[in-house]
Amino acid sequence: MFGLPFGLVVETLVAVLLATTIGYCVILNQRLKRLHADRGELRKMVTDLVGATTLANAAIQELKATARESETILAARLEEADRFGLELANHVTAGHQIMDKLAKITSAARATTPMDDRFAEPNKVQSALDQLSMRPRIRGNAA
């Protein structure tokens, strides 16, 4: 060949391959060091993520408990409002019945003449009867 002994060529090729392997090992070592350094940061990040997840789960449980409590309170208030509504409707019905009875009494009182005019003052009695007779009309206008 070129006048170089075959052994020298092989030795040179082995030296080049060895130098390349050493260079690759140095590069690989640097990458491993960075990976180990990042591993600590990654572990810290995973720990923080687990902590945040735990806090989020606790917050969700508290929100669910608050929602259940609010639902219970709201249901109780709605039942109470229904009771008050029924009671109010009963009072309104009773009031209408009383007003109807008063209107009937007023009509009956107008139809009959007083037996003893000596004790009654016509203006006051008539005024009271007029006011009572206007009550059903006022109630009807307001409704």
N, C-alpha and C. Protein backbone atom coordinates (compact mmCIF):
# COMPACT_ATOMS: atom_id res chain seq x y z
N MET A 1 0.81 -1.17 0.00
CA MET A 1 0.00 0.00 0.00
C MET A 1 0.87 1.25 0.00
N PHE A 2 0.76 2.08 0.95
CA PHE A 2 1.46 3.36 0.93
C PHE A 2 2.82 3.24 1.60
N GLY A 3 3.18 2.15 1.94
CA GLY A 3 4.45 1.94 2.59
C GLY A 3 4.31 1.93 4.09
N LEU A 4 3.14 2.03 4.59
CA LEU A 4 2.93 1.97 6.03
C LEU A 4 2.63 0.51 6.40
N PRO A 5 3.16 0.10 7.50
CA PRO A 5 2.86 -1.26 7.89
C PRO A 5 1.39 -1.40 8.28
N PHE A 6 0.85 -2.56 8.04
CA PHE A 6 -0.55 -2.84 8.28
C PHE A 6 -0.88 -2.66 9.76
N GLY A 7 -0.03 -2.99 10.66
CA GLY A 7 -0.24 -2.85 12.10
C GLY A 7 -0.41 -1.40 12.50
N LEU A 8 0.36 -0.50 11.89
CA LEU A 8 0.28 0.92 12.20
C LEU A 8 -1.08 1.48 11.77
N VAL A 9 -1.58 1.03 10.64
CA VAL A 9 -2.87 1.51 10.15
C VAL A 9 -3.97 1.04 11.11
N VAL A 10 -3.89 -0.20 11.53
CA VAL A 10 -4.88 -0.72 12.46
C VAL A 10 -4.80 0.03 13.78
N GLU A 11 -3.61 0.28 14.26
CA GLU A 11 -3.42 1.02 15.52
C GLU A 11 -3.99 2.43 15.39
N THR A 12 -3.81 3.05 14.27
CA THR A 12 -4.33 4.41 14.06
C THR A 12 -5.85 4.39 14.04
N LEU A 13 -6.42 3.42 13.36
CA LEU A 13 -7.87 3.32 13.32
C LEU A 13 -8.44 3.05 14.72
N VAL A 14 -7.80 2.21 15.49
CA VAL A 14 -8.24 1.94 16.86
C VAL A 14 -8.14 3.20 17.70
N ALA A 15 -7.07 3.98 17.53
CA ALA A 15 -6.88 5.23 18.29
C ALA A 15 -7.98 6.23 17.94
N VAL A 16 -8.33 6.33 16.63
CA VAL A 16 -9.38 7.25 16.21
C VAL A 16 -10.72 6.80 16.80
N LEU A 17 -11.01 5.51 16.73
CA LEU A 17 -12.25 5.00 17.29
C LEU A 17 -12.29 5.20 18.81
N LEU A 18 -11.17 5.02 19.46
CA LEU A 18 -11.09 5.23 20.90
C LEU A 18 -11.32 6.70 21.25
N ALA A 19 -10.74 7.61 20.50
CA ALA A 19 -10.91 9.06 20.72
C ALA A 19 -12.38 9.44 20.50
N THR A 20 -12.99 8.87 19.46
CA THR A 20 -14.40 9.14 19.18
C THR A 20 -15.27 8.61 20.33
N THR A 21 -14.97 7.42 20.83
CA THR A 21 -15.72 6.84 21.94
C THR A 21 -15.56 7.70 23.18
N ILE A 22 -14.36 8.17 23.46
CA ILE A 22 -14.12 9.02 24.63
C ILE A 22 -14.90 10.34 24.48
N GLY A 23 -14.90 10.94 23.29
CA GLY A 23 -15.65 12.19 23.05
C GLY A 23 -17.15 11.96 23.25
N TYR A 24 -17.63 10.85 22.73
CA TYR A 24 -19.05 10.53 22.89
C TYR A 24 -19.38 10.31 24.36
N CYS A 25 -18.49 9.64 25.10
CA CYS A 25 -18.71 9.42 26.53
C CYS A 25 -18.75 10.74 27.29
N VAL A 26 -17.87 11.69 26.92
CA VAL A 26 -17.88 13.00 27.57
C VAL A 26 -19.22 13.71 27.33
N ILE A 27 -19.66 13.67 26.08
CA ILE A 27 -20.95 14.31 25.75
C ILE A 27 -22.09 13.62 26.50
N LEU A 28 -22.08 12.29 26.51
CA LEU A 28 -23.10 11.53 27.21
C LEU A 28 -23.07 11.82 28.71
N ASN A 29 -21.88 11.96 29.28
CA ASN A 29 -21.73 12.29 30.70
C ASN A 29 -22.35 13.66 31.02
N GLN A 30 -22.12 14.62 30.16
CA GLN A 30 -22.70 15.95 30.37
C GLN A 30 -24.23 15.89 30.33
N ARG A 31 -24.76 15.13 29.37
CA ARG A 31 -26.22 14.99 29.28
C ARG A 31 -26.78 14.30 30.51
N LEU A 32 -26.09 13.28 31.00
CA LEU A 32 -26.54 12.58 32.20
C LEU A 32 -26.52 13.51 33.41
N LYS A 33 -25.50 14.36 33.51
CA LYS A 33 -25.43 15.33 34.62
C LYS A 33 -26.62 16.29 34.56
N ARG A 34 -26.93 16.77 33.35
CA ARG A 34 -28.08 17.66 33.19
C ARG A 34 -29.38 16.93 33.54
N LEU A 35 -29.49 15.69 33.14
CA LEU A 35 -30.67 14.89 33.43
C LEU A 35 -30.83 14.70 34.93
N HIS A 36 -29.72 14.42 35.61
CA HIS A 36 -29.80 14.27 37.06
C HIS A 36 -30.15 15.60 37.73
N ALA A 37 -29.62 16.69 37.23
CA ALA A 37 -29.96 18.01 37.79
C ALA A 37 -31.43 18.32 37.55
N ASP A 38 -31.90 18.00 36.36
CA ASP A 38 -33.31 18.22 36.04
C ASP A 38 -34.20 17.25 36.81
N ARG A 39 -33.68 16.10 37.17
CA ARG A 39 -34.46 15.12 37.92
C ARG A 39 -34.88 15.68 39.27
N GLY A 40 -33.98 16.39 39.93
CA GLY A 40 -34.32 17.03 41.20
C GLY A 40 -35.42 18.07 41.03
N GLU A 41 -35.30 18.87 39.98
CA GLU A 41 -36.33 19.87 39.69
C GLU A 41 -37.64 19.19 39.31
N LEU A 42 -37.54 18.12 38.53
CA LEU A 42 -38.73 17.39 38.14
C LEU A 42 -39.41 16.77 39.35
N ARG A 43 -38.62 16.23 40.27
CA ARG A 43 -39.18 15.66 41.50
C ARG A 43 -39.89 16.74 42.31
N LYS A 44 -39.28 17.92 42.39
CA LYS A 44 -39.89 19.04 43.11
C LYS A 44 -41.20 19.46 42.43
N MET A 45 -41.17 19.49 41.10
CA MET A 45 -42.35 19.88 40.36
C MET A 45 -43.48 18.85 40.56
N VAL A 46 -43.14 17.57 40.56
CA VAL A 46 -44.14 16.53 40.78
C VAL A 46 -44.71 16.64 42.19
N THR A 47 -43.85 16.92 43.17
CA THR A 47 -44.30 17.09 44.55
C THR A 47 -45.26 18.28 44.65
N ASP A 48 -44.91 19.38 44.00
CA ASP A 48 -45.79 20.55 44.00
C ASP A 48 -47.12 20.24 43.31
N LEU A 49 -47.07 19.48 42.22
CA LEU A 49 -48.28 19.11 41.51
C LEU A 49 -49.18 18.23 42.37
N VAL A 50 -48.59 17.29 43.09
CA VAL A 50 -49.37 16.44 43.99
C VAL A 50 -50.00 17.28 45.10
N GLY A 51 -49.24 18.22 45.65
CA GLY A 51 -49.79 19.11 46.69
C GLY A 51 -50.94 19.95 46.16
N ALA A 52 -50.77 20.48 44.96
CA ALA A 52 -51.84 21.30 44.37
C ALA A 52 -53.08 20.44 44.09
N THR A 53 -52.87 19.22 43.65
CA THR A 53 -53.99 18.32 43.40
C THR A 53 -54.73 18.00 44.69
N THR A 54 -53.98 17.78 45.75
CA THR A 54 -54.59 17.51 47.05
C THR A 54 -55.42 18.70 47.52
N LEU A 55 -54.85 19.90 47.39
CA LEU A 55 -55.60 21.10 47.78
C LEU A 55 -56.86 21.27 46.92
N ALA A 56 -56.74 20.98 45.62
CA ALA A 56 -57.91 21.11 44.74
C ALA A 56 -58.99 20.11 45.14
N ASN A 57 -58.58 18.89 45.46
CA ASN A 57 -59.56 17.88 45.89
C ASN A 57 -60.25 18.30 47.18
N ALA A 58 -59.47 18.85 48.12
CA ALA A 58 -60.07 19.32 49.37
C ALA A 58 -61.05 20.47 49.11
N ALA A 59 -60.67 21.38 48.22
CA ALA A 59 -61.56 22.50 47.88
C ALA A 59 -62.84 21.99 47.23
N ILE A 60 -62.73 21.00 46.37
CA ILE A 60 -63.91 20.44 45.70
C ILE A 60 -64.83 19.79 46.73
N GLN A 61 -64.25 19.07 47.68
CA GLN A 61 -65.07 18.44 48.73
C GLN A 61 -65.78 19.50 49.56
N GLU A 62 -65.08 20.58 49.89
CA GLU A 62 -65.71 21.67 50.65
C GLU A 62 -66.83 22.31 49.84
N LEU A 63 -66.60 22.50 48.54
CA LEU A 63 -67.65 23.08 47.69
C LEU A 63 -68.87 22.16 47.63
N LYS A 64 -68.64 20.86 47.53
CA LYS A 64 -69.76 19.92 47.51
C LYS A 64 -70.53 19.98 48.82
N ALA A 65 -69.79 20.04 49.95
CA ALA A 65 -70.47 20.12 51.25
C ALA A 65 -71.27 21.41 51.36
N THR A 66 -70.68 22.51 50.89
CA THR A 66 -71.38 23.79 50.92
C THR A 66 -72.63 23.75 50.03
N ALA A 67 -72.51 23.11 48.88
CA ALA A 67 -73.66 23.01 47.98
C ALA A 67 -74.77 22.18 48.62
N ARG A 68 -74.40 21.07 49.28
CA ARG A 68 -75.43 20.26 49.95
C ARG A 68 -76.09 21.05 51.07
N GLU A 69 -75.29 21.77 51.84
CA GLU A 69 -75.83 22.57 52.95
C GLU A 69 -76.75 23.67 52.41
N SER A 70 -76.32 24.32 51.34
CA SER A 70 -77.14 25.38 50.73
C SER A 70 -78.44 24.81 50.20
N GLU A 71 -78.37 23.63 49.61
CA GLU A 71 -79.58 23.00 49.08
C GLU A 71 -80.55 22.68 50.21
N THR A 72 -80.03 22.20 51.33
CA THR A 72 -80.88 21.88 52.48
C THR A 72 -81.54 23.15 53.02
N ILE A 73 -80.74 24.20 53.17
CA ILE A 73 -81.27 25.46 53.69
C ILE A 73 -82.32 26.03 52.73
N LEU A 74 -82.02 25.98 51.44
CA LEU A 74 -82.96 26.50 50.45
C LEU A 74 -84.26 25.71 50.45
N ALA A 75 -84.17 24.39 50.58
CA ALA A 75 -85.38 23.56 50.62
C ALA A 75 -86.21 23.92 51.85
N ALA A 76 -85.55 24.12 52.99
CA ALA A 76 -86.29 24.48 54.21
C ALA A 76 -86.96 25.84 54.05
N ARG A 77 -86.25 26.78 53.44
CA ARG A 77 -86.84 28.11 53.25
C ARG A 77 -88.00 28.07 52.26
N LEU A 78 -87.88 27.24 51.23
CA LEU A 78 -88.98 27.12 50.28
C LEU A 78 -90.21 26.51 50.94
N GLU A 79 -89.99 25.51 51.78
CA GLU A 79 -91.13 24.92 52.50
C GLU A 79 -91.77 25.95 53.42
N GLU A 80 -90.94 26.74 54.10
CA GLU A 80 -91.47 27.78 54.98
C GLU A 80 -92.25 28.82 54.17
N ALA A 81 -91.72 29.18 53.01
CA ALA A 81 -92.41 30.15 52.15
C ALA A 81 -93.74 29.59 51.67
N ASP A 82 -93.77 28.30 51.34
CA ASP A 82 -95.04 27.67 50.94
C ASP A 82 -96.06 27.72 52.07
N ARG A 83 -95.58 27.42 53.30
CA ARG A 83 -96.50 27.49 54.45
C ARG A 83 -97.04 28.90 54.64
N PHE A 84 -96.14 29.89 54.55
CA PHE A 84 -96.59 31.27 54.71
C PHE A 84 -97.54 31.66 53.58
N GLY A 85 -97.27 31.18 52.37
CA GLY A 85 -98.16 31.48 51.24
C GLY A 85 -99.55 30.91 51.47
N LEU A 86 -99.61 29.67 51.94
CA LEU A 86 -100.91 29.06 52.23
C LEU A 86 -101.63 29.81 53.36
N GLU A 87 -100.87 30.15 54.38
CA GLU A 87 -101.46 30.88 55.51
C GLU A 87 -101.98 32.25 55.05
N LEU A 88 -101.20 32.91 54.21
CA LEU A 88 -101.62 34.21 53.69
C LEU A 88 -102.87 34.07 52.82
N ALA A 89 -102.91 33.03 51.99
CA ALA A 89 -104.09 32.79 51.16
C ALA A 89 -105.31 32.53 52.03
N ASN A 90 -105.13 31.78 53.11
CA ASN A 90 -106.25 31.54 54.03
C ASN A 90 -106.72 32.83 54.68
N HIS A 91 -105.77 33.68 55.07
CA HIS A 91 -106.14 34.97 55.66
C HIS A 91 -106.87 35.86 54.65
N VAL A 92 -106.40 35.86 53.43
CA VAL A 92 -107.06 36.67 52.40
C VAL A 92 -108.47 36.15 52.16
N THR A 93 -108.63 34.83 52.11
CA THR A 93 -109.96 34.24 51.92
C THR A 93 -110.88 34.61 53.09
N ALA A 94 -110.34 34.51 54.31
CA ALA A 94 -111.14 34.88 55.49
C ALA A 94 -111.51 36.36 55.44
N GLY A 95 -110.57 37.19 55.00
CA GLY A 95 -110.85 38.62 54.88
C GLY A 95 -111.94 38.91 53.86
N HIS A 96 -111.91 38.18 52.73
CA HIS A 96 -112.96 38.33 51.73
C HIS A 96 -114.31 37.91 52.31
N GLN A 97 -114.32 36.84 53.05
CA GLN A 97 -115.58 36.38 53.64
C GLN A 97 -116.12 37.41 54.63
N ILE A 98 -115.22 37.97 55.43
CA ILE A 98 -115.65 39.00 56.40
C ILE A 98 -116.19 40.22 55.66
N MET A 99 -115.50 40.62 54.58
CA MET A 99 -115.96 41.78 53.81
C MET A 99 -117.33 41.49 53.18
N ASP A 100 -117.52 40.28 52.69
CA ASP A 100 -118.83 39.92 52.13
C ASP A 100 -119.92 39.97 53.19
N LYS A 101 -119.61 39.46 54.38
CA LYS A 101 -120.59 39.49 55.47
C LYS A 101 -120.91 40.93 55.86
N LEU A 102 -119.87 41.76 55.93
CA LEU A 102 -120.10 43.18 56.26
C LEU A 102 -120.95 43.86 55.18
N ALA A 103 -120.70 43.49 53.93
CA ALA A 103 -121.50 44.08 52.86
C ALA A 103 -122.95 43.65 52.97
N LYS A 104 -123.17 42.38 53.32
CA LYS A 104 -124.54 41.89 53.50
C LYS A 104 -125.21 42.58 54.69
N ILE A 105 -124.46 42.74 55.78
CA ILE A 105 -125.01 43.44 56.96
C ILE A 105 -125.35 44.87 56.59
N THR A 106 -124.49 45.51 55.84
CA THR A 106 -124.73 46.89 55.43
C THR A 106 -125.98 46.98 54.57
N SER A 107 -126.10 46.06 53.64
CA SER A 107 -127.29 46.06 52.78
C SER A 107 -128.55 45.82 53.60
N ALA A 108 -128.46 44.90 54.53
CA ALA A 108 -129.63 44.61 55.38
C ALA A 108 -129.96 45.81 56.26
N ALA A 109 -128.94 46.49 56.77
CA ALA A 109 -129.18 47.65 57.63
C ALA A 109 -129.81 48.79 56.84
N ARG A 110 -129.45 48.92 55.58
CA ARG A 110 -130.05 49.99 54.76
C ARG A 110 -131.51 49.67 54.44
N ALA A 111 -131.76 48.41 54.29
CA ALA A 111 -133.13 48.02 53.92
C ALA A 111 -134.10 48.22 55.08
N THR A 112 -133.63 48.06 56.30
CA THR A 112 -134.52 48.22 57.45
C THR A 112 -134.40 49.63 57.99
N THR A 113 -135.45 50.11 58.57
CA THR A 113 -135.43 51.44 59.16
C THR A 113 -135.19 51.29 60.65
N PRO A 114 -134.50 52.21 61.24
CA PRO A 114 -134.23 52.11 62.68
C PRO A 114 -135.53 52.24 63.45
N MET A 115 -135.67 51.45 64.51
CA MET A 115 -136.89 51.45 65.31
C MET A 115 -136.95 52.66 66.24
N ASP A 116 -135.83 53.04 66.70
CA ASP A 116 -135.83 54.13 67.66
C ASP A 116 -134.94 55.23 67.11
N ASP A 117 -135.51 56.20 66.44
CA ASP A 117 -134.74 57.29 65.85
C ASP A 117 -134.28 58.30 66.89
N ARG A 118 -134.75 58.17 68.11
CA ARG A 118 -134.36 59.13 69.14
C ARG A 118 -132.89 59.00 69.48
N PHE A 119 -132.35 57.76 69.45
CA PHE A 119 -130.96 57.55 69.89
C PHE A 119 -129.96 57.61 68.74
N ALA A 120 -130.43 57.49 67.53
CA ALA A 120 -129.51 57.44 66.40
C ALA A 120 -129.39 58.81 65.76
N GLU A 121 -128.21 59.13 65.42
CA GLU A 121 -127.99 60.36 64.68
C GLU A 121 -127.92 59.98 63.21
N PRO A 122 -128.83 60.48 62.39
CA PRO A 122 -128.93 60.02 61.00
C PRO A 122 -127.65 60.27 60.20
N ASN A 123 -126.97 61.35 60.40
CA ASN A 123 -125.78 61.66 59.60
C ASN A 123 -124.64 60.68 59.89
N LYS A 124 -124.40 60.37 61.15
CA LYS A 124 -123.30 59.47 61.50
C LYS A 124 -123.58 58.04 61.06
N VAL A 125 -124.81 57.60 61.25
CA VAL A 125 -125.17 56.24 60.87
C VAL A 125 -125.08 56.09 59.35
N GLN A 126 -125.60 57.07 58.65
CA GLN A 126 -125.58 57.01 57.19
C GLN A 126 -124.13 57.05 56.67
N SER A 127 -123.30 57.88 57.29
CA SER A 127 -121.90 57.96 56.89
C SER A 127 -121.19 56.63 57.11
N ALA A 128 -121.41 55.98 58.24
CA ALA A 128 -120.79 54.68 58.53
C ALA A 128 -121.26 53.63 57.53
N LEU A 129 -122.56 53.65 57.21
CA LEU A 129 -123.09 52.68 56.24
C LEU A 129 -122.50 52.92 54.85
N ASP A 130 -122.36 54.17 54.48
CA ASP A 130 -121.78 54.49 53.17
C ASP A 130 -120.33 53.99 53.09
N GLN A 131 -119.57 54.18 54.16
CA GLN A 131 -118.17 53.72 54.16
C GLN A 131 -118.10 52.21 54.09
N LEU A 132 -118.95 51.53 54.79
CA LEU A 132 -118.94 50.07 54.75
C LEU A 132 -119.36 49.54 53.38
N SER A 133 -120.28 50.21 52.75
CA SER A 133 -120.74 49.74 51.44
C SER A 133 -119.67 49.98 50.37
N MET A 134 -118.78 50.95 50.57
CA MET A 134 -117.72 51.21 49.60
C MET A 134 -116.57 50.23 49.72
N ARG A 135 -116.44 49.52 50.80
CA ARG A 135 -115.34 48.58 51.01
C ARG A 135 -115.24 47.51 49.92
N PRO A 136 -116.31 46.82 49.57
CA PRO A 136 -116.17 45.81 48.51
C PRO A 136 -115.72 46.41 47.18
N ARG A 137 -116.16 47.63 46.85
CA ARG A 137 -115.75 48.26 45.62
C ARG A 137 -114.26 48.62 45.66
N ILE A 138 -113.79 49.10 46.79
CA ILE A 138 -112.37 49.43 46.93
C ILE A 138 -111.53 48.17 46.79
N ARG A 139 -111.97 47.09 47.43
CA ARG A 139 -111.24 45.82 47.36
C ARG A 139 -111.19 45.33 45.91
N GLY A 140 -112.27 45.46 45.21
CA GLY A 140 -112.31 45.01 43.82
C GLY A 140 -111.37 45.82 42.92
N ASN A 141 -111.29 47.12 43.16
CA ASN A 141 -110.40 47.97 42.38
C ASN A 141 -108.95 47.68 42.68
N ALA A 142 -108.63 47.38 43.93
CA ALA A 142 -107.25 47.13 44.31
C ALA A 142 -106.77 45.79 43.76
N ALA A 143 -107.65 44.83 43.67
CA ALA A 143 -107.24 43.51 43.16
C ALA A 143 -107.01 43.60 41.68
